[in-house]
Protein backbone atom coordinates (compact mmCIF):
# COMPACT_ATOMS: atom_id res chain seq x y z
CA MET A 1 126.25 101.57 29.38
CA ARG A 2 128.71 104.38 30.00
CA LYS A 3 128.18 107.73 28.34
CA LEU A 4 130.90 109.15 26.04
CA ILE A 5 131.39 112.90 26.36
CA MET A 6 133.55 115.00 24.05
CA LYS A 7 135.05 118.15 25.60
CA MET A 8 136.57 120.74 23.26
CA SER A 9 137.33 124.43 23.06
CA ILE A 10 136.34 125.99 19.76
CA SER A 11 136.71 129.45 18.20
CA ILE A 12 133.67 131.36 16.94
CA ASP A 13 134.77 130.49 13.39
CA GLY A 14 134.80 126.76 14.17
CA PHE A 15 138.45 125.91 14.79
CA VAL A 16 139.83 123.86 17.70
CA GLY A 17 143.46 124.64 16.89
CA GLY A 18 145.33 127.30 14.98
CA PRO A 19 147.01 126.73 11.60
CA LYS A 20 149.96 125.03 13.30
CA ALA A 21 147.76 123.23 15.87
CA GLU A 22 148.48 125.93 18.44
CA SER A 23 146.05 126.01 21.34
CA ASN A 24 147.37 128.73 23.65
CA TRP A 25 144.36 130.86 22.68
CA ILE A 26 142.07 128.69 24.83
CA PHE A 27 143.43 130.38 27.97
CA LYS A 28 142.98 133.94 26.72
CA ASN A 29 139.35 134.29 27.85
CA SER A 30 139.44 131.69 30.58
CA ASP A 31 138.15 132.78 33.98
CA GLU A 32 137.70 131.15 37.37
CA ALA A 33 134.11 130.12 36.65
CA SER A 34 134.88 128.56 33.23
CA ARG A 35 137.87 126.70 34.67
CA ALA A 36 135.74 125.41 37.57
CA ALA A 37 133.09 124.16 35.11
CA SER A 38 135.74 122.36 33.04
CA VAL A 39 137.28 120.79 36.13
CA GLY A 40 133.79 119.77 37.29
CA LEU A 41 133.13 118.01 33.98
CA LEU A 42 136.42 116.13 34.24
CA LEU A 43 135.69 115.11 37.84
CA GLU A 44 132.46 113.44 36.67
CA ALA A 45 134.48 111.14 34.40
CA GLY A 46 135.63 107.67 35.26
CA LEU A 47 138.02 107.58 32.28
CA ILE A 48 139.77 110.17 30.10
CA ILE A 49 140.53 109.14 26.52
CA MET A 50 142.71 110.81 23.90
CA GLY A 51 144.79 110.13 20.83
CA ARG A 52 148.48 109.26 20.86
CA LYS A 53 149.82 112.75 20.04
CA SER A 54 147.85 114.38 22.84
CA PHE A 55 148.78 111.61 25.24
CA GLU A 56 152.50 112.01 24.54
CA MET A 57 152.31 115.77 25.05
CA LEU A 58 150.07 115.71 28.14
CA SER A 59 151.79 112.79 29.89
CA SER A 60 155.02 114.77 30.01
CA TYR A 61 153.31 117.87 31.40
CA TRP A 62 150.61 116.88 33.91
CA PRO A 63 152.49 114.67 36.42
CA THR A 64 154.41 117.69 37.72
CA ALA A 65 151.78 120.37 37.03
CA THR A 66 149.82 122.27 39.63
CA GLY A 67 146.56 124.18 39.43
CA PRO A 68 142.90 123.20 39.27
CA PHE A 69 143.22 120.75 36.35
CA ALA A 70 146.16 118.79 37.80
CA ALA A 71 144.19 116.60 40.20
CA PRO A 72 141.60 115.29 37.70
CA MET A 73 144.17 114.93 34.93
CA ASN A 74 146.47 112.90 37.17
CA GLU A 75 143.95 110.91 39.21
CA ILE A 76 141.41 109.75 36.63
CA PRO A 77 142.40 106.62 34.68
CA LYS A 78 143.32 107.17 31.06
CA ALA A 79 143.23 105.36 27.74
CA VAL A 80 145.14 106.22 24.59
CA PHE A 81 144.09 105.38 21.03
CA THR A 82 146.72 104.97 18.34
CA GLN A 83 147.03 103.80 14.76
CA HIS A 84 150.80 104.09 14.61
CA GLY A 85 151.96 102.15 17.65
CA PHE A 86 152.69 103.52 21.06
CA LYS A 87 155.54 103.43 23.51
CA SER A 88 154.95 105.39 26.68
CA ASN A 89 157.57 107.92 27.69
CA ILE A 90 156.94 106.87 31.32
CA SER A 91 158.33 103.53 32.47
CA PRO A 92 155.81 101.64 34.65
CA ASP A 93 158.79 99.96 36.40
CA ALA A 94 160.29 103.24 37.63
CA ASP A 95 159.68 104.62 41.11
CA LEU A 96 156.83 106.91 40.07
CA SER A 97 154.78 109.51 41.83
CA PRO A 98 151.07 108.63 41.97
CA ALA A 99 150.46 111.25 39.25
CA ALA A 100 153.06 109.78 36.88
CA ALA A 101 151.85 106.25 37.63
CA SER A 102 148.34 107.14 36.46
CA TRP A 103 149.79 108.04 33.06
CA ALA A 104 152.09 105.00 32.92
CA GLU A 105 149.12 102.71 33.62
CA ALA A 106 147.02 104.07 30.74
CA ARG A 107 145.24 101.48 28.64
CA VAL A 108 146.37 101.40 25.01
CA PHE A 109 143.97 100.68 22.14
CA ASP A 110 145.63 100.15 18.77
CA GLY A 111 142.84 98.43 16.87
CA ASP A 112 139.60 99.71 15.40
CA LEU A 113 138.55 102.94 17.15
CA ALA A 114 134.82 102.18 17.12
CA GLU A 115 135.37 98.71 18.59
CA GLY A 116 137.60 100.14 21.32
CA ILE A 117 134.99 102.78 22.20
CA LYS A 118 132.20 100.19 22.26
CA LYS A 119 134.27 98.06 24.62
CA LEU A 120 134.88 100.98 26.98
CA LYS A 121 131.24 102.07 26.88
CA SER A 122 130.09 98.55 27.77
CA GLU A 123 132.19 98.51 30.95
CA PRO A 124 130.69 99.63 34.25
CA GLY A 125 131.66 103.01 35.61
CA LYS A 126 131.30 106.74 35.35
CA PRO A 127 131.23 108.54 31.96
CA ILE A 128 134.15 108.59 29.53
CA CYS A 129 135.53 112.04 28.68
CA ALA A 130 137.31 112.49 25.34
CA ILE A 131 139.87 115.28 25.09
CA GLY A 132 142.65 115.96 22.64
CA GLY A 133 143.42 117.08 19.15
CA ALA A 134 141.41 117.65 16.01
CA GLY A 135 142.42 114.42 14.24
CA PHE A 136 141.36 112.19 17.12
CA MET A 137 138.09 114.09 17.56
CA ARG A 138 137.24 113.88 13.84
CA SER A 139 137.80 110.12 14.00
CA LEU A 140 135.72 109.87 17.17
CA ILE A 141 132.86 111.90 15.65
CA ALA A 142 132.91 109.56 12.62
CA THR A 143 132.19 106.56 14.87
CA GLY A 144 128.79 108.01 15.80
CA LEU A 145 129.36 106.90 19.40
CA ILE A 146 129.61 110.28 21.17
CA ASP A 147 126.64 110.81 23.49
CA GLU A 148 127.33 114.43 24.50
CA TYR A 149 129.33 117.24 22.95
CA HIS A 150 130.61 119.87 25.41
CA LEU A 151 131.88 122.75 23.31
CA GLY A 152 133.37 125.83 24.94
CA THR A 153 133.01 128.56 22.31
CA HIS A 154 135.67 131.23 22.79
CA PRO A 155 135.05 134.85 21.72
CA LEU A 156 137.75 135.00 19.09
CA ALA A 157 138.18 134.11 15.44
CA LEU A 158 141.32 132.31 14.31
CA GLY A 159 140.74 132.81 10.57
CA GLU A 160 142.15 129.39 9.76
CA GLY A 161 143.18 126.26 11.59
CA GLU A 162 142.07 122.78 12.54
CA ALA A 163 138.38 121.90 12.60
CA ILE A 164 136.63 118.81 13.92
CA PHE A 165 133.34 118.86 12.01
CA ASN A 166 134.77 119.21 8.51
CA GLY A 167 134.48 116.15 6.32
CA ILE A 168 131.73 114.41 8.29
CA ALA A 169 130.12 111.72 6.16
CA LYS A 170 126.54 112.54 7.11
CA GLU A 171 124.67 115.34 8.81
CA LEU A 172 125.11 115.40 12.57
CA ASP A 173 121.75 116.33 14.10
CA LEU A 174 122.18 117.35 17.74
CA LYS A 175 119.94 118.69 20.49
CA LEU A 176 121.06 121.65 22.60
CA VAL A 177 120.58 120.62 26.24
CA ASP A 178 122.47 123.33 28.15
CA THR A 179 124.16 126.69 27.70
CA LYS A 180 126.30 128.63 30.17
CA VAL A 181 127.88 132.04 29.66
CA PHE A 182 131.07 132.81 31.60
CA PRO A 183 132.45 136.23 32.63
CA GLY A 184 135.44 136.03 30.26
CA GLY A 185 133.13 135.56 27.27
CA ILE A 186 133.34 131.79 26.82
CA VAL A 187 129.97 130.20 26.12
CA SER A 188 129.57 126.53 26.95
CA HIS A 189 127.16 124.57 24.77
CA THR A 190 126.17 121.02 25.64
CA TYR A 191 124.59 118.96 22.89
CA SER A 192 123.26 115.40 22.93
CA ARG A 193 122.62 113.01 20.06
């Protein structure tokens, strides 16, 4: 069975996005070592999953992007989960670059989230890496199907914003399995169920 890994950046006061879902703060304390660790985690994945909003935003950015995250984001197969329908902004019939084609070929799951995750986990392959926004992550946490939580805690407080652990139905008891401290002040915590 494939492992499901959640990867998120979080402020010291527990927010993954600002009051208007802004996320530009995640780059403020980023350094070469923290970026390399994030890229390394992505490269271990056989599938990247996200919600519809994140998919729509990222699929328009990554196919032409450069930098260390571009290769894994464009080469690793993707799946998008939606409750409100989905129409890709990339036509699979167009003459696409390999990067754009990887986004156009994303699998779409529009049914029950837990059932979709169970299906993906039962398939052979490398781990599944979940990225994206607070709403998708809250829904994913509620399924109880995440095997590892990779949280990059950034040395700043947002004061208010979007959280992912608020409103959980029952206590989430996790085991700390790894910690890394990066030069820019980001601390990576890896937890397992």
